[in-house]
Amino acid sequence: MPWIGRAPGAPYFVTAAGEAWTPIGQNDAIDWPEFAGLFRRRDLPAVERHLRHLRDHGVTCLRLMLEYAQGRHRYLERPVGRFVPAMVQLWDDLFALCDKVGMRVLLTPYDTFFTWIRWRHHPYNAANGGPCASRKRLLVCPATRKAVKARLAFATERWGGSGVIFAWDLWNEMHPAQAGDEPHAFAEFIGDVGPFLRELETRLHGRAHLQCVSVFGPELIWKPWTVDPIFRHPGLDFANSHFYEEGTIDDPRDTVAPAIAVGRLTQEALREITDQRPFFDSEHGPIHSFKDRHLTLPEAFDDEYFRHIQWAHIASGGAGGGMRWPNRHPHVLTAGMRRAQRALADFLPLIDWPRFCRRNLNDQLRVSDPRLRAFGCGDAHQAFVWLLRQELAPAVRQLRQVVDHGEIAATLQVPGLAAGRYRATCWDTRKGQEAGRLEVTAEADGILLPVTVAGGDLAIAIRRA
């Protein structure tokens, strides 16, 4: 499989052949239902069928942790430095299946959430013979750092020669509590571990996979000593955050507020990036509803919540639609979410991503009908707008969805396009098909586009005619 790199001069991704590539997918885990057949090779054909099902629904990438530590039977090392044969076989099989099917992985070496929660059981705990005396020193303990590098070295030596690895998330949800609240710990970790892995991969494979780190957001990323390493560290290739805003995304009561939050959070993240590196949300979902309130959202509501977040994210300038953490029982995405991923994948060719030097336009778009909310991004030659109907239907089980009947005719003003003729292609995000097209002329103040939203939302791709 071709390796993935950054598009030269544009905040998106391309294959080694220069073709546009967009991360569409979600978080998954090796012991969740759809991948449970990997362990001890219980049912590899079922896993292959699942991967093909994902590919056929437009999924290009899964975010996976080399070790998912909720239980005690999926540790990659036990004791530290001894890589468990059953787990190595599991990853051998998974990488081979991904290569066969055409699926890539955003790979992070540790499940830091359950490592923290279940620290007393973890092999890295000094009480269990591990290198780290306290979970509050995971990022700064020299002996633990050595173990981190050894794990990454093992992984790239065994699996890193493949384009199946899209990129490394060097540390999942970097948090001050893991570093003794030392203000320079994030940058120091990235500046040590990142070059180590890059140099090793270059020596082994002749090139290196992309790198990022992720952070639980939005609360943490606005601390001054957190923003710079996450969004601007020169050793990282793209930026990641996890969108779990309290009350809107983590515990939704309607499907409009989460989309508005995602648009704002994406816009704020892009403001922190100074070199046009790509950005995307690599975790989101109703975590508080699921984990603390023990609620699995009704499927119809959750499907719309998922779809709205996806389109708000990419229209606001994110690379792809973001990566959902399922937060459902069982831990799998619904059929409606898979259809939404397919609809996004089919829309992507309408934009020339490797040459799309977008800026966020959420605050500059003007739509004549206040019932519509506009999200968008653009440059002098292309634009991408998503219109969301803000009217809410009556509550069902205290949850409100968007009114999806009746048409809204409005005028949309899109600024920033150079003078000339443009073709606007409208896209039905539910059906995953074109909903009409028209040609318009850009004047000094941009273009004025007559639009009709027949349902709850509408995506629009605008390119030179």
Protein backbone atom coordinates (compact mmCIF):
# COMPACT_ATOMS: atom_id res chain seq x y z
CA MET A 1 0.00 0.00 0.00
CA PRO A 2 1.31 3.49 -0.79
CA TRP A 3 2.51 5.46 2.20
CA ILE A 4 0.64 8.60 3.26
CA GLY A 5 2.22 12.06 3.40
CA ARG A 6 1.20 15.69 3.66
CA ALA A 7 0.01 17.49 0.57
CA PRO A 8 2.67 20.07 -0.39
CA GLY A 9 1.26 23.48 0.48
CA ALA A 10 -2.22 22.28 1.52
CA PRO A 11 -3.51 21.10 4.93
CA TYR A 12 -4.59 17.66 3.73
CA PHE A 13 -3.04 14.26 2.98
CA VAL A 14 -1.87 12.51 -0.18
CA THR A 15 -0.54 9.09 -1.09
CA ALA A 16 3.05 8.65 -2.22
CA ALA A 17 1.70 8.90 -5.76
CA GLY A 18 0.25 12.35 -5.02
CA GLU A 19 -3.38 11.25 -4.96
CA ALA A 20 -5.77 12.76 -2.43
CA TRP A 21 -6.32 10.64 0.69
CA THR A 22 -8.68 11.48 3.52
CA PRO A 23 -8.95 9.73 6.91
CA ILE A 24 -12.52 8.47 7.19
CA GLY A 25 -13.09 6.09 10.07
CA GLN A 26 -13.44 5.74 13.81
CA ASN A 27 -11.73 4.44 16.92
CA ASP A 28 -11.75 0.70 17.34
CA ALA A 29 -10.21 -1.81 19.75
CA ILE A 30 -8.81 -5.29 19.38
CA ASP A 31 -11.20 -6.81 21.93
CA TRP A 32 -14.40 -5.11 20.80
CA PRO A 33 -16.93 -7.34 19.00
CA GLU A 34 -15.87 -6.72 15.41
CA PHE A 35 -12.20 -7.52 16.07
CA ALA A 36 -12.59 -10.11 18.83
CA GLY A 37 -11.92 -12.90 16.33
CA LEU A 38 -8.28 -11.83 16.07
CA PHE A 39 -7.22 -13.07 19.50
CA ARG A 40 -5.69 -16.51 19.22
CA ARG A 41 -6.96 -16.50 15.61
CA ARG A 42 -10.46 -17.45 16.68
CA ASP A 43 -12.20 -16.13 13.57
CA LEU A 44 -9.94 -14.35 11.08
CA PRO A 45 -12.45 -14.69 8.20
CA ALA A 46 -15.00 -12.69 10.22
CA VAL A 47 -12.45 -9.92 10.77
CA GLU A 48 -11.64 -9.85 7.07
CA ARG A 49 -15.33 -9.61 6.20
CA HIS A 50 -15.67 -6.73 8.64
CA LEU A 51 -12.72 -4.87 7.12
CA ARG A 52 -14.19 -5.31 3.66
CA HIS A 53 -17.53 -4.02 4.94
CA LEU A 54 -15.77 -0.92 6.28
CA ARG A 55 -13.91 -0.37 3.03
CA ASP A 56 -17.12 -0.69 1.05
CA HIS A 57 -18.66 2.02 3.22
CA GLY A 58 -15.89 4.50 2.50
CA VAL A 59 -13.78 3.89 5.60
CA THR A 60 -10.09 4.44 4.90
CA CYS A 61 -8.54 4.46 8.37
CA LEU A 62 -9.03 3.06 11.87
CA ARG A 63 -7.53 4.53 15.01
CA LEU A 64 -6.19 1.65 17.11
CA MET A 65 -4.16 1.21 20.28
CA LEU A 66 -1.42 -1.42 20.31
CA GLU A 67 -2.60 -2.27 23.79
CA TYR A 68 -6.16 -1.87 25.07
CA ALA A 69 -5.83 -2.19 28.83
CA GLN A 70 -9.42 -2.38 30.04
CA GLY A 71 -8.83 -6.04 30.90
CA ARG A 72 -5.68 -7.95 31.79
CA HIS A 73 -5.44 -10.22 28.74
CA ARG A 74 -4.44 -7.79 25.99
CA TYR A 75 -1.18 -6.39 27.35
CA LEU A 76 1.41 -6.18 24.58
CA GLU A 77 4.27 -6.71 27.04
CA ARG A 78 4.21 -8.89 30.12
CA PRO A 79 6.62 -8.40 31.82
CA VAL A 80 8.05 -5.21 30.30
CA GLY A 81 10.30 -6.05 27.38
CA ARG A 82 8.71 -9.44 26.69
CA PHE A 83 6.24 -9.07 23.87
CA VAL A 84 3.39 -11.51 24.39
CA PRO A 85 3.36 -14.05 21.50
CA ALA A 86 -0.43 -14.14 21.22
CA MET A 87 -0.57 -10.37 20.92
CA VAL A 88 2.24 -10.25 18.37
CA GLN A 89 0.37 -12.84 16.31
CA LEU A 90 -2.80 -10.80 16.62
CA TRP A 91 -1.10 -7.74 15.15
CA ASP A 92 0.66 -9.81 12.48
CA ASP A 93 -2.75 -11.02 11.34
CA LEU A 94 -4.44 -7.63 11.55
CA PHE A 95 -1.77 -5.83 9.55
CA ALA A 96 -1.83 -8.59 6.93
CA LEU A 97 -5.62 -8.33 6.64
CA CYS A 98 -5.51 -4.53 6.42
CA ASP A 99 -2.91 -4.75 3.67
CA LYS A 100 -5.04 -7.29 1.80
CA VAL A 101 -8.23 -5.23 2.09
CA GLY A 102 -6.73 -1.75 1.72
CA MET A 103 -7.30 -0.33 5.22
CA ARG A 104 -4.91 1.98 7.06
CA VAL A 105 -4.33 2.50 10.77
CA LEU A 106 -3.60 5.53 12.92
CA LEU A 107 -1.61 3.70 15.58
CA THR A 108 -0.97 4.77 19.15
CA PRO A 109 1.21 2.61 21.43
CA TYR A 110 -0.75 2.86 24.70
CA ASP A 111 -4.30 3.06 25.93
CA THR A 112 -3.49 5.79 28.43
CA PHE A 113 -7.04 6.01 29.82
CA PHE A 114 -7.22 2.45 31.11
CA THR A 115 -3.50 2.43 31.90
CA TRP A 116 -4.31 5.24 34.33
CA ILE A 117 -7.59 3.81 35.62
CA ARG A 118 -6.20 0.29 36.13
CA TRP A 119 -2.65 1.25 37.01
CA ARG A 120 -2.41 -1.23 39.87
CA HIS A 121 -2.65 -4.07 37.34
CA HIS A 122 -0.44 -2.66 34.58
CA PRO A 123 2.94 -4.27 33.80
CA TYR A 124 4.63 -0.83 33.69
CA ASN A 125 3.78 -0.27 37.38
CA ALA A 126 6.90 -0.68 39.53
CA ALA A 127 4.80 -2.68 41.99
CA ASN A 128 4.42 -5.28 39.22
CA GLY A 129 8.08 -5.21 38.27
CA GLY A 130 7.72 -2.38 35.78
CA PRO A 131 9.82 0.76 35.26
CA CYS A 132 7.46 3.47 36.63
CA ALA A 133 6.95 4.23 40.31
CA SER A 134 3.87 6.39 39.69
CA ARG A 135 1.35 6.87 36.89
CA LYS A 136 1.96 10.59 37.47
CA ARG A 137 5.46 10.13 35.98
CA LEU A 138 4.62 8.18 32.83
CA LEU A 139 5.70 10.96 30.48
CA VAL A 140 8.87 11.97 32.33
CA CYS A 141 10.25 8.81 33.99
CA PRO A 142 13.58 7.93 32.24
CA ALA A 143 13.09 4.18 32.60
CA THR A 144 9.54 4.42 31.21
CA ARG A 145 10.80 6.55 28.32
CA LYS A 146 13.23 3.76 27.49
CA ALA A 147 10.34 1.27 27.47
CA VAL A 148 8.24 3.55 25.26
CA LYS A 149 11.03 3.74 22.70
CA ALA A 150 11.55 -0.02 22.87
CA ARG A 151 7.85 -0.62 22.16
CA LEU A 152 7.84 1.76 19.20
CA ALA A 153 11.05 0.21 17.91
CA PHE A 154 9.59 -3.28 18.12
CA ALA A 155 6.44 -2.14 16.33
CA THR A 156 8.13 -0.41 13.43
CA GLU A 157 10.73 -3.14 13.00
CA ARG A 158 7.96 -5.71 12.68
CA TRP A 159 5.13 -3.77 11.00
CA GLY A 160 6.43 -0.34 10.03
CA GLY A 161 7.59 -1.22 6.52
CA SER A 162 4.00 -1.18 5.35
CA GLY A 163 1.81 1.67 4.15
CA VAL A 164 -0.92 0.17 6.36
CA ILE A 165 0.35 2.51 9.08
CA PHE A 166 -1.02 5.92 8.15
CA ALA A 167 0.66 7.65 11.08
CA TRP A 168 1.83 7.33 14.68
CA ASP A 169 -0.07 9.02 17.48
CA LEU A 170 2.99 9.05 19.74
CA TRP A 171 0.92 9.44 22.90
CA ASN A 172 -2.81 9.15 23.36
CA GLU A 173 -4.37 12.07 25.27
CA MET A 174 -1.23 13.71 26.57
CA HIS A 175 -2.16 15.11 29.97
CA PRO A 176 -0.29 17.21 32.56
CA ALA A 177 -1.19 14.69 35.28
CA GLN A 178 0.96 12.08 33.50
CA ALA A 179 3.96 14.42 33.70
CA GLY A 180 3.85 15.68 37.27
CA ASP A 181 2.42 18.95 35.93
CA GLU A 182 5.85 19.87 34.55
CA PRO A 183 5.20 22.67 32.04
CA HIS A 184 7.78 21.61 29.44
CA ALA A 185 7.11 17.86 29.59
CA PHE A 186 4.98 17.68 26.42
CA ALA A 187 7.57 19.35 24.19
CA GLU A 188 10.39 17.37 25.77
CA PHE A 189 8.63 14.04 25.19
CA ILE A 190 7.81 14.89 21.57
CA GLY A 191 11.31 16.21 20.95
CA ASP A 192 12.85 13.00 22.27
CA VAL A 193 10.53 10.20 21.15
CA GLY A 194 9.54 11.64 17.76
CA PRO A 195 13.06 12.01 16.31
CA PHE A 196 14.05 8.62 17.74
CA LEU A 197 11.22 6.92 15.85
CA ARG A 198 11.69 8.99 12.69
CA GLU A 199 15.42 8.24 12.50
CA LEU A 200 14.86 4.55 13.18
CA GLU A 201 12.17 4.28 10.48
CA THR A 202 14.32 6.15 7.98
CA ARG A 203 17.18 3.76 8.62
CA LEU A 204 14.95 0.67 8.46
CA HIS A 205 12.51 1.62 5.72
CA GLY A 206 14.09 4.53 3.88
CA ARG A 207 11.32 6.87 5.02
CA ALA A 208 9.21 7.60 8.09
CA HIS A 209 5.50 7.58 8.82
CA LEU A 210 3.75 10.79 9.81
CA GLN A 211 3.55 11.68 13.51
CA CYS A 212 1.15 13.46 15.83
CA VAL A 213 0.15 13.44 19.48
CA SER A 214 -3.41 13.73 20.75
CA VAL A 215 -4.88 15.73 23.61
CA PHE A 216 -8.19 15.58 25.44
CA GLY A 217 -10.02 18.75 24.46
CA PRO A 218 -11.20 21.34 24.52
CA GLU A 219 -10.31 22.20 28.10
CA LEU A 220 -6.61 21.38 28.02
CA ILE A 221 -5.51 22.69 24.68
CA TRP A 222 -6.04 26.31 25.59
CA LYS A 223 -3.46 26.24 28.38
CA PRO A 224 -0.49 28.19 26.98
CA TRP A 225 2.04 25.44 27.67
CA THR A 226 -0.16 22.85 26.00
CA VAL A 227 -1.10 24.63 22.78
CA ASP A 228 2.38 25.10 21.36
CA PRO A 229 3.59 21.46 21.45
CA ILE A 230 0.26 19.98 20.31
CA PHE A 231 -0.41 22.36 17.43
CA ARG A 232 2.96 23.81 16.48
CA HIS A 233 5.78 21.45 17.48
CA PRO A 234 8.18 21.35 14.48
CA GLY A 235 8.65 17.60 14.89
CA LEU A 236 4.97 16.77 14.32
CA ASP A 237 3.32 16.48 10.92
CA PHE A 238 -0.30 17.19 11.79
CA ALA A 239 -2.41 18.15 14.80
CA ASN A 240 -5.02 16.15 16.71
CA SER A 241 -7.49 16.93 19.44
CA HIS A 242 -10.33 14.99 21.06
CA PHE A 243 -13.67 16.76 20.96
CA TYR A 244 -15.51 15.99 24.19
CA GLU A 245 -16.95 19.38 25.02
CA GLU A 246 -19.06 19.23 28.15
CA GLY A 247 -22.80 19.41 27.68
CA THR A 248 -22.85 19.61 23.89
CA ILE A 249 -20.74 16.75 22.51
CA ASP A 250 -20.22 14.55 25.57
CA ASP A 251 -23.90 14.53 26.63
CA PRO A 252 -26.04 15.67 23.69
CA ARG A 253 -29.69 16.66 24.09
CA ASP A 254 -30.16 17.72 20.46
CA THR A 255 -28.26 17.27 17.21
CA VAL A 256 -27.60 20.94 16.44
CA ALA A 257 -25.57 22.08 19.47
CA PRO A 258 -22.89 19.37 18.98
CA ALA A 259 -22.42 20.40 15.34
CA ILE A 260 -22.06 24.06 16.31
CA ALA A 261 -19.53 23.08 18.98
CA VAL A 262 -17.50 21.04 16.49
CA GLY A 263 -17.47 23.94 14.04
CA ARG A 264 -16.22 26.30 16.73
CA LEU A 265 -13.63 23.87 18.11
CA THR A 266 -12.27 23.17 14.64
CA GLN A 267 -12.07 26.88 13.93
CA GLU A 268 -10.23 27.51 17.21
CA ALA A 269 -7.78 24.69 16.52
CA LEU A 270 -6.99 26.03 13.04
CA ARG A 271 -6.21 29.43 14.53
CA GLU A 272 -3.45 27.83 16.61
CA ILE A 273 -1.75 26.29 13.56
CA THR A 274 0.77 28.53 11.82
CA ASP A 275 2.20 26.29 9.08
CA GLN A 276 -0.81 24.82 7.24
CA ARG A 277 -0.38 21.39 8.79
CA PRO A 278 -3.53 19.23 8.65
CA PHE A 279 -5.81 19.01 11.65
CA PHE A 280 -8.52 16.57 12.60
CA ASP A 281 -10.42 15.40 15.65
CA SER A 282 -9.31 11.84 16.39
CA GLU A 283 -11.89 11.15 19.12
CA HIS A 284 -15.38 12.38 19.83
CA GLY A 285 -18.68 10.99 20.99
CA PRO A 286 -21.26 10.96 23.80
CA ILE A 287 -18.78 9.80 26.44
CA HIS A 288 -20.60 11.28 29.45
CA SER A 289 -23.96 9.92 28.33
CA PHE A 290 -22.49 6.45 27.86
CA LYS A 291 -19.87 6.13 30.59
CA ASP A 292 -21.42 8.09 33.44
CA ARG A 293 -25.15 8.08 32.70
CA HIS A 294 -25.07 4.51 31.30
CA LEU A 295 -27.16 5.58 28.32
CA THR A 296 -26.87 4.29 24.78
CA LEU A 297 -28.40 6.95 22.59
CA PRO A 298 -31.41 5.93 20.46
CA GLU A 299 -30.14 4.89 17.06
CA ALA A 300 -32.00 7.45 14.97
CA PHE A 301 -30.85 10.29 17.21
CA ASP A 302 -27.27 9.01 17.34
CA ASP A 303 -27.12 8.62 13.56
CA GLU A 304 -28.08 12.26 13.07
CA TYR A 305 -25.71 13.42 15.84
CA PHE A 306 -22.90 11.46 14.13
CA ARG A 307 -23.68 12.81 10.66
CA HIS A 308 -23.89 16.42 11.82
CA ILE A 309 -20.56 16.22 13.65
CA GLN A 310 -18.92 14.66 10.59
CA TRP A 311 -20.03 17.37 8.18
CA ALA A 312 -19.43 20.26 10.61
CA HIS A 313 -15.87 19.02 11.10
CA ILE A 314 -14.82 18.67 7.47
CA ALA A 315 -16.71 21.77 6.28
CA SER A 316 -14.97 23.87 8.95
CA GLY A 317 -11.56 22.85 7.60
CA GLY A 318 -10.77 19.56 9.33
CA ALA A 319 -9.21 16.72 7.35
CA GLY A 320 -12.03 14.20 7.16
CA GLY A 321 -15.09 13.88 9.34
CA GLY A 322 -13.41 13.16 12.69
CA MET A 323 -13.11 9.78 14.39
CA ARG A 324 -15.93 8.67 16.64
CA TRP A 325 -15.36 6.67 19.82
CA PRO A 326 -18.42 4.40 19.60
CA ASN A 327 -19.76 4.89 23.14
CA ARG A 328 -22.56 2.47 22.39
CA HIS A 329 -23.50 -0.94 23.72
CA PRO A 330 -22.12 -2.96 22.05
CA HIS A 331 -19.11 -0.84 21.08
CA VAL A 332 -19.82 -0.67 17.35
CA LEU A 333 -21.09 1.99 14.97
CA THR A 334 -24.60 1.72 13.59
CA ALA A 335 -25.60 0.97 10.01
CA GLY A 336 -26.72 4.60 9.70
CA MET A 337 -23.27 5.81 10.68
CA ARG A 338 -21.72 3.57 8.05
CA ARG A 339 -24.06 5.07 5.43
CA ALA A 340 -22.97 8.53 6.56
CA GLN A 341 -19.32 7.57 6.07
CA ARG A 342 -20.11 6.29 2.57
CA ALA A 343 -21.92 9.52 1.74
CA LEU A 344 -18.91 11.57 2.81
CA ALA A 345 -16.49 9.38 0.86
CA ASP A 346 -18.57 9.79 -2.30
CA PHE A 347 -18.61 13.59 -1.85
CA LEU A 348 -14.82 13.93 -1.52
CA PRO A 349 -13.97 13.94 -5.27
CA LEU A 350 -15.92 17.18 -5.66
CA ILE A 351 -13.03 19.07 -3.97
CA ASP A 352 -9.42 19.14 -5.20
CA TRP A 353 -7.96 18.50 -1.74
CA PRO A 354 -4.21 18.47 -2.56
CA ARG A 355 -4.55 22.02 -3.89
CA PHE A 356 -7.12 23.33 -1.41
CA CYS A 357 -5.35 25.96 0.71
CA ARG A 358 -8.46 26.56 2.75
CA ARG A 359 -9.17 28.99 5.54
CA ASN A 360 -12.11 28.72 7.88
CA LEU A 361 -15.13 30.79 6.79
CA ASN A 362 -17.62 29.98 9.55
CA ASP A 363 -17.81 33.62 10.69
CA GLN A 364 -17.82 35.09 7.18
CA LEU A 365 -20.52 33.07 5.44
CA ARG A 366 -23.88 34.81 5.13
CA VAL A 367 -27.18 32.99 4.66
CA SER A 368 -30.41 34.91 4.24
CA ASP A 369 -32.65 32.60 6.30
CA PRO A 370 -31.83 32.51 10.05
CA ARG A 371 -33.15 28.97 10.26
CA LEU A 372 -29.95 27.85 8.52
CA ARG A 373 -26.48 27.71 10.06
CA ALA A 374 -23.50 27.81 7.69
CA PHE A 375 -20.15 26.05 8.18
CA GLY A 376 -17.46 26.36 5.55
CA CYS A 377 -13.93 26.86 4.33
CA GLY A 378 -12.37 28.09 1.11
CA ASP A 379 -9.52 29.66 -0.81
CA ALA A 380 -9.37 31.76 -3.98
CA HIS A 381 -10.38 28.85 -6.22
CA GLN A 382 -12.62 26.48 -4.23
CA ALA A 383 -15.05 26.53 -1.33
CA PHE A 384 -16.95 23.97 0.71
CA VAL A 385 -20.10 24.90 2.64
CA TRP A 386 -22.43 22.84 4.78
CA LEU A 387 -25.84 24.27 5.69
CA LEU A 388 -27.60 22.92 8.78
CA ARG A 389 -31.24 23.52 9.61
CA GLN A 390 -31.46 24.72 13.21
CA GLU A 391 -35.18 24.08 13.77
CA LEU A 392 -35.73 21.27 16.25
CA ALA A 393 -38.63 18.85 16.27
CA PRO A 394 -40.49 18.03 19.52
CA ALA A 395 -38.50 15.96 22.00
CA VAL A 396 -38.59 12.17 21.95
CA ARG A 397 -37.28 10.68 25.20
CA GLN A 398 -35.97 14.19 26.02
CA LEU A 399 -33.85 14.26 22.84
CA ARG A 400 -34.51 16.58 19.91
CA GLN A 401 -33.63 16.09 16.26
CA VAL A 402 -33.75 18.54 13.37
CA VAL A 403 -37.00 19.19 11.51
CA ASP A 404 -36.40 17.35 8.25
CA HIS A 405 -39.55 18.10 6.25
CA GLY A 406 -40.33 21.08 4.06
CA GLU A 407 -37.99 23.22 1.99
CA ILE A 408 -36.05 26.34 2.93
CA ALA A 409 -35.07 28.58 0.01
CA ALA A 410 -32.29 31.04 0.82
CA THR A 411 -29.35 32.98 -0.58
CA LEU A 412 -25.83 32.05 0.48
CA GLN A 413 -22.93 34.51 0.25
CA VAL A 414 -19.45 32.94 0.06
CA PRO A 415 -16.49 35.35 0.26
CA GLY A 416 -12.91 35.05 -0.91
CA LEU A 417 -13.25 33.46 -4.35
CA ALA A 418 -11.38 35.09 -7.22
CA ALA A 419 -13.44 36.64 -10.02
CA GLY A 420 -14.74 34.13 -12.53
CA ARG A 421 -17.30 31.43 -13.20
CA TYR A 422 -17.87 28.64 -10.67
CA ARG A 423 -19.86 25.44 -10.53
CA ALA A 424 -21.68 24.71 -7.26
CA THR A 425 -22.58 21.06 -6.69
CA CYS A 426 -25.17 20.40 -3.99
CA TRP A 427 -24.98 17.12 -2.07
CA ASP A 428 -27.67 15.25 -0.18
CA THR A 429 -25.78 14.04 2.89
CA ARG A 430 -28.43 11.44 3.80
CA LYS A 431 -28.80 9.80 0.40
CA GLY A 432 -25.14 10.31 -0.49
CA GLN A 433 -25.90 11.70 -3.95
CA GLU A 434 -25.89 14.88 -5.94
CA ALA A 435 -28.90 17.13 -5.32
CA GLY A 436 -28.36 19.61 -8.13
CA ARG A 437 -25.76 21.94 -9.59
CA LEU A 438 -25.60 25.47 -10.96
CA GLU A 439 -23.07 27.96 -12.29
CA VAL A 440 -22.49 31.33 -10.68
CA THR A 441 -20.11 34.27 -11.12
CA ALA A 442 -17.83 35.57 -8.36
CA GLU A 443 -17.76 39.33 -7.93
CA ALA A 444 -15.68 41.49 -5.60
CA ASP A 445 -17.71 40.42 -2.57
CA GLY A 446 -17.65 36.69 -3.46
CA ILE A 447 -20.55 34.72 -4.89
CA LEU A 448 -24.26 34.84 -4.17
CA LEU A 449 -25.73 31.38 -4.45
CA PRO A 450 -29.45 30.53 -4.38
CA VAL A 451 -29.90 27.33 -2.39
CA THR A 452 -32.80 25.10 -1.39
CA VAL A 453 -32.44 22.90 1.67
CA ALA A 454 -34.99 20.12 1.30
CA GLY A 455 -34.65 18.38 4.64
CA GLY A 456 -32.23 18.89 7.48
CA ASP A 457 -28.95 19.85 5.81
CA LEU A 458 -27.07 20.31 2.54
CA ALA A 459 -23.39 20.20 1.52
CA ILE A 460 -22.09 22.35 -1.35
CA ALA A 461 -18.81 22.05 -3.26
CA ILE A 462 -17.79 25.13 -5.25
CA ARG A 463 -15.07 24.95 -7.93
CA ARG A 464 -14.05 26.76 -11.09
CA ALA A 465 -16.55 26.04 -13.85
